[in-house]
Amino acid sequence: MSEVRLTVEPRTEFGKGAARRTRRAGKIPAVLYGHGADPRHLSLPAVDFARVIRDNGQNAVLTLDVAGAKEKAEKGTELALTKTITVHPLKNYIEHVDLLVVKRGEKVTVDIPVVLTGNPAPGTLVHQELDTLQIEVEALHIPEQLEISVEGAEIGTHILAAQVTLPAGAELVTDPEYMVVGVNESPTEESMEADVDAEGAGVVEDKSESESAAQ
């Protein structure tokens, strides 16, 4: 995954009122922490940050250009990963972001989306039990996704986390015995109709019982 450059600003005001003013100015309150350094309070450009997450995902490595820093030697730039995004539950805008400092060459633990490819054998139904796998990988080589081929997979096929191909140098953190994909027999039209009939019979029975109780 490539690096994405983002210009950010130091934040000197704190509290709910200051956060509201930051958001009204089209920016997002954020905190950058990690590697034993004191947390740094920043404001991110809201539109640009939202675009980065939409186009690159939350695992994008951000190169932060910190406006106002005297020199790059004074940490005018930082590499960071998005650790947490807090979204307003009703209005659906980003309220706050936590960023984690990363260094070139170090490994980080991230959740990677699992994507299925191919078509299973006829008469089968694929169940994806895990949508993501957690891996430890070098910060600048985070994959966008992990692909699992189910091409020609027969009934009874089980793919465990340990069987998923990872990028070179990556290590699996998710329990290797967790099932990621299972392939079962596809239900027939007759069995589905039987299930519907059984559910309908149950509804009628419940209604009759309620009417009897009322009488």
Protein backbone atom coordinates (compact mmCIF):
# COMPACT_ATOMS: atom_id res chain seq x y z
CA MET A 1 0.00 0.00 0.00
CA SER A 2 1.44 3.37 -1.02
CA GLU A 3 2.03 6.34 1.23
CA VAL A 4 -0.42 9.23 1.12
CA ARG A 5 0.72 12.76 1.93
CA LEU A 6 -1.52 14.93 4.10
CA THR A 7 -0.90 18.45 5.41
CA VAL A 8 -2.00 18.84 9.04
CA GLU A 9 -1.80 21.58 11.65
CA PRO A 10 -0.88 21.60 15.35
CA ARG A 11 -3.89 22.05 17.63
CA THR A 12 -3.51 24.25 20.69
CA GLU A 13 -7.14 24.50 21.86
CA PHE A 14 -8.81 21.59 23.61
CA GLY A 15 -12.23 20.64 24.96
CA LYS A 16 -15.65 20.22 23.34
CA GLY A 17 -15.96 23.87 22.35
CA ALA A 18 -12.56 23.88 20.67
CA ALA A 19 -13.39 20.63 18.89
CA ARG A 20 -16.62 22.11 17.54
CA ARG A 21 -14.75 25.17 16.27
CA THR A 22 -12.20 22.91 14.57
CA ARG A 23 -14.94 20.95 12.81
CA ARG A 24 -16.75 24.15 11.76
CA ALA A 25 -13.49 25.21 10.10
CA GLY A 26 -13.60 22.06 7.96
CA LYS A 27 -11.04 20.15 10.01
CA ILE A 28 -11.01 17.06 12.23
CA PRO A 29 -9.49 16.98 15.76
CA ALA A 30 -6.85 14.25 15.95
CA VAL A 31 -4.20 12.88 18.31
CA LEU A 32 -0.90 11.39 17.13
CA TYR A 33 0.83 9.08 19.58
CA GLY A 34 3.28 6.20 19.80
CA HIS A 35 6.96 5.29 20.22
CA GLY A 36 7.00 6.71 23.74
CA ALA A 37 6.58 10.31 22.60
CA ASP A 38 4.07 12.69 24.16
CA PRO A 39 0.74 12.74 22.28
CA ARG A 40 0.56 15.48 19.65
CA HIS A 41 -2.76 17.22 19.04
CA LEU A 42 -3.45 17.92 15.39
CA SER A 43 -6.23 19.03 13.06
CA LEU A 44 -6.73 17.17 9.78
CA PRO A 45 -8.34 18.58 6.62
CA ALA A 46 -11.75 16.89 6.74
CA VAL A 47 -12.38 16.55 3.00
CA ASP A 48 -8.87 15.34 2.19
CA PHE A 49 -8.79 12.84 5.05
CA ALA A 50 -12.22 11.43 4.13
CA ARG A 51 -11.02 11.03 0.53
CA VAL A 52 -7.89 9.18 1.67
CA ILE A 53 -9.93 6.72 3.72
CA ARG A 54 -12.46 6.24 0.93
CA ASP A 55 -9.84 5.65 -1.76
CA ASN A 56 -7.15 3.81 0.24
CA GLY A 57 -8.85 2.35 3.30
CA GLN A 58 -8.05 2.82 6.96
CA ASN A 59 -4.70 1.02 6.62
CA ALA A 60 -3.25 3.71 4.35
CA VAL A 61 0.14 4.94 5.55
CA LEU A 62 -0.09 8.71 6.01
CA THR A 63 2.88 11.00 5.52
CA LEU A 64 1.91 13.92 7.72
CA ASP A 65 3.34 17.31 6.82
CA VAL A 66 2.96 19.23 10.05
CA ALA A 67 2.42 22.89 9.19
CA GLY A 68 4.26 25.29 11.43
CA ALA A 69 7.17 22.97 12.23
CA LYS A 70 10.46 24.90 12.05
CA GLU A 71 12.41 22.18 10.27
CA LYS A 72 11.84 18.64 9.13
CA ALA A 73 14.55 17.66 11.59
CA GLU A 74 12.13 18.75 14.29
CA LYS A 75 9.62 16.15 13.14
CA GLY A 76 7.97 18.33 10.54
CA THR A 77 6.92 15.07 8.87
CA GLU A 78 5.66 11.85 10.44
CA LEU A 79 4.54 8.47 9.15
CA ALA A 80 1.28 7.36 10.74
CA LEU A 81 -1.50 4.81 10.57
CA THR A 82 -5.13 5.56 11.35
CA LYS A 83 -5.87 3.69 14.56
CA THR A 84 -9.42 4.81 15.40
CA ILE A 85 -12.05 6.89 13.62
CA THR A 86 -14.95 8.19 15.72
CA VAL A 87 -18.05 8.97 13.63
CA HIS A 88 -21.10 10.89 14.86
CA PRO A 89 -23.85 8.26 15.34
CA LEU A 90 -26.60 10.37 13.76
CA LYS A 91 -25.01 12.93 11.45
CA ASN A 92 -22.36 10.56 10.07
CA TYR A 93 -19.42 12.96 10.09
CA ILE A 94 -15.97 12.19 11.52
CA GLU A 95 -15.71 13.59 15.04
CA HIS A 96 -12.20 12.52 16.00
CA VAL A 97 -9.24 10.48 14.76
CA ASP A 98 -6.47 8.66 16.64
CA LEU A 99 -3.23 8.25 14.67
CA LEU A 100 -0.34 5.91 15.47
CA VAL A 101 3.26 6.85 14.67
CA VAL A 102 5.07 4.22 12.59
CA LYS A 103 8.68 3.97 11.47
CA ARG A 104 10.07 2.65 8.24
CA GLY A 105 10.97 -1.02 8.62
CA GLU A 106 8.87 -1.69 11.71
CA LYS A 107 5.99 -4.15 11.76
CA VAL A 108 2.43 -3.24 12.71
CA THR A 109 -0.67 -5.31 13.45
CA VAL A 110 -3.60 -4.53 11.15
CA ASP A 111 -6.93 -6.02 10.05
CA ILE A 112 -6.99 -6.81 6.33
CA PRO A 113 -10.21 -7.40 4.33
CA VAL A 114 -10.70 -10.91 2.92
CA VAL A 115 -12.01 -11.07 -0.68
CA LEU A 116 -13.27 -14.26 -2.35
CA THR A 117 -12.55 -14.90 -6.03
CA GLY A 118 -13.73 -17.54 -8.49
CA ASN A 119 -16.82 -19.71 -8.69
CA PRO A 120 -17.37 -22.84 -6.58
CA ALA A 121 -18.61 -26.16 -7.98
CA PRO A 122 -22.25 -26.31 -9.13
CA GLY A 123 -24.80 -26.97 -6.40
CA THR A 124 -22.74 -25.37 -3.65
CA LEU A 125 -23.18 -22.39 -1.35
CA VAL A 126 -20.18 -20.46 -0.02
CA HIS A 127 -20.24 -19.07 3.53
CA GLN A 128 -17.61 -16.48 4.43
CA GLU A 129 -17.17 -16.71 8.19
CA LEU A 130 -14.48 -14.00 8.58
CA ASP A 131 -14.46 -10.70 6.70
CA THR A 132 -10.97 -9.72 7.88
CA LEU A 133 -7.78 -11.37 9.07
CA GLN A 134 -5.36 -9.77 11.49
CA ILE A 135 -1.74 -9.90 10.42
CA GLU A 136 1.59 -8.43 11.46
CA VAL A 137 3.35 -6.82 8.51
CA GLU A 138 5.92 -4.16 7.69
CA ALA A 139 4.23 -0.77 7.87
CA LEU A 140 5.00 0.24 4.28
CA HIS A 141 3.94 -3.11 2.81
CA ILE A 142 0.39 -3.43 4.14
CA PRO A 143 -1.76 -5.24 1.53
CA GLU A 144 -5.09 -3.72 0.52
CA GLN A 145 -6.79 -7.12 0.75
CA LEU A 146 -6.21 -10.87 1.05
CA GLU A 147 -7.67 -12.96 -1.75
CA ILE A 148 -9.00 -16.50 -1.37
CA SER A 149 -9.91 -18.47 -4.47
CA VAL A 150 -12.99 -20.71 -4.22
CA GLU A 151 -12.78 -21.68 -7.89
CA GLY A 152 -14.21 -25.20 -8.25
CA ALA A 153 -14.54 -25.68 -4.48
CA GLU A 154 -16.60 -28.77 -3.65
CA ILE A 155 -19.13 -29.41 -0.88
CA GLY A 156 -17.34 -29.81 2.45
CA THR A 157 -14.43 -27.54 1.58
CA HIS A 158 -13.15 -25.62 4.60
CA ILE A 159 -10.48 -22.94 4.37
CA LEU A 160 -8.80 -22.06 7.65
CA ALA A 161 -6.95 -18.85 8.48
CA ALA A 162 -3.66 -20.77 8.40
CA GLN A 163 -4.30 -21.71 4.75
CA VAL A 164 -4.65 -18.12 3.50
CA THR A 165 -1.66 -16.91 1.49
CA LEU A 166 -0.02 -13.88 3.13
CA PRO A 167 2.43 -11.36 1.64
CA ALA A 168 6.12 -12.12 2.04
CA GLY A 169 7.29 -11.26 5.54
CA ALA A 170 3.77 -11.07 7.01
CA GLU A 171 2.69 -13.19 9.97
CA LEU A 172 -0.81 -14.32 10.91
CA VAL A 173 -2.17 -12.97 14.20
CA THR A 174 -5.71 -14.36 13.89
CA ASP A 175 -6.09 -17.86 15.38
CA PRO A 176 -4.87 -20.15 12.56
CA GLU A 177 -7.66 -22.65 13.33
CA TYR A 178 -10.46 -20.15 12.65
CA MET A 179 -12.53 -21.09 9.62
CA VAL A 180 -12.62 -18.32 7.04
CA VAL A 181 -14.67 -20.00 4.32
CA GLY A 182 -16.99 -23.00 4.29
CA VAL A 183 -18.62 -24.59 1.25
CA ASN A 184 -21.95 -26.34 1.80
CA GLU A 185 -24.57 -27.92 -0.37
CA SER A 186 -26.87 -25.36 -1.94
CA PRO A 187 -30.48 -25.76 -0.72
CA THR A 188 -32.90 -27.14 -3.30
CA GLU A 189 -36.12 -25.45 -4.28
CA GLU A 190 -38.05 -28.25 -2.59
CA SER A 191 -36.22 -27.85 0.71
CA MET A 192 -36.74 -24.09 0.66
CA GLU A 193 -40.46 -24.54 0.01
CA ALA A 194 -40.64 -27.07 2.85
CA ASP A 195 -38.98 -24.55 5.18
CA VAL A 196 -41.49 -21.89 4.17
CA ASP A 197 -44.39 -24.29 4.75
CA ALA A 198 -43.01 -25.23 8.16
CA GLU A 199 -42.60 -21.57 9.13
CA GLY A 200 -46.13 -20.82 7.94
CA ALA A 201 -47.52 -23.70 9.94
CA GLY A 202 -45.75 -22.36 12.98
CA VAL A 203 -47.29 -18.92 12.53
CA VAL A 204 -50.80 -20.38 12.19
CA GLU A 205 -50.28 -22.50 15.25
CA ASP A 206 -49.07 -19.55 17.32
CA LYS A 207 -52.07 -17.46 16.20
CA SER A 208 -54.51 -20.21 17.16
CA GLU A 209 -52.91 -20.59 20.54
CA SER A 210 -53.12 -16.84 21.18
CA GLU A 211 -56.79 -16.78 20.16
CA SER A 212 -57.57 -19.75 22.42
CA ALA A 213 -55.83 -18.04 25.30
CA ALA A 214 -57.85 -14.89 24.67
CA GLN A 215 -61.11 -16.86 24.81
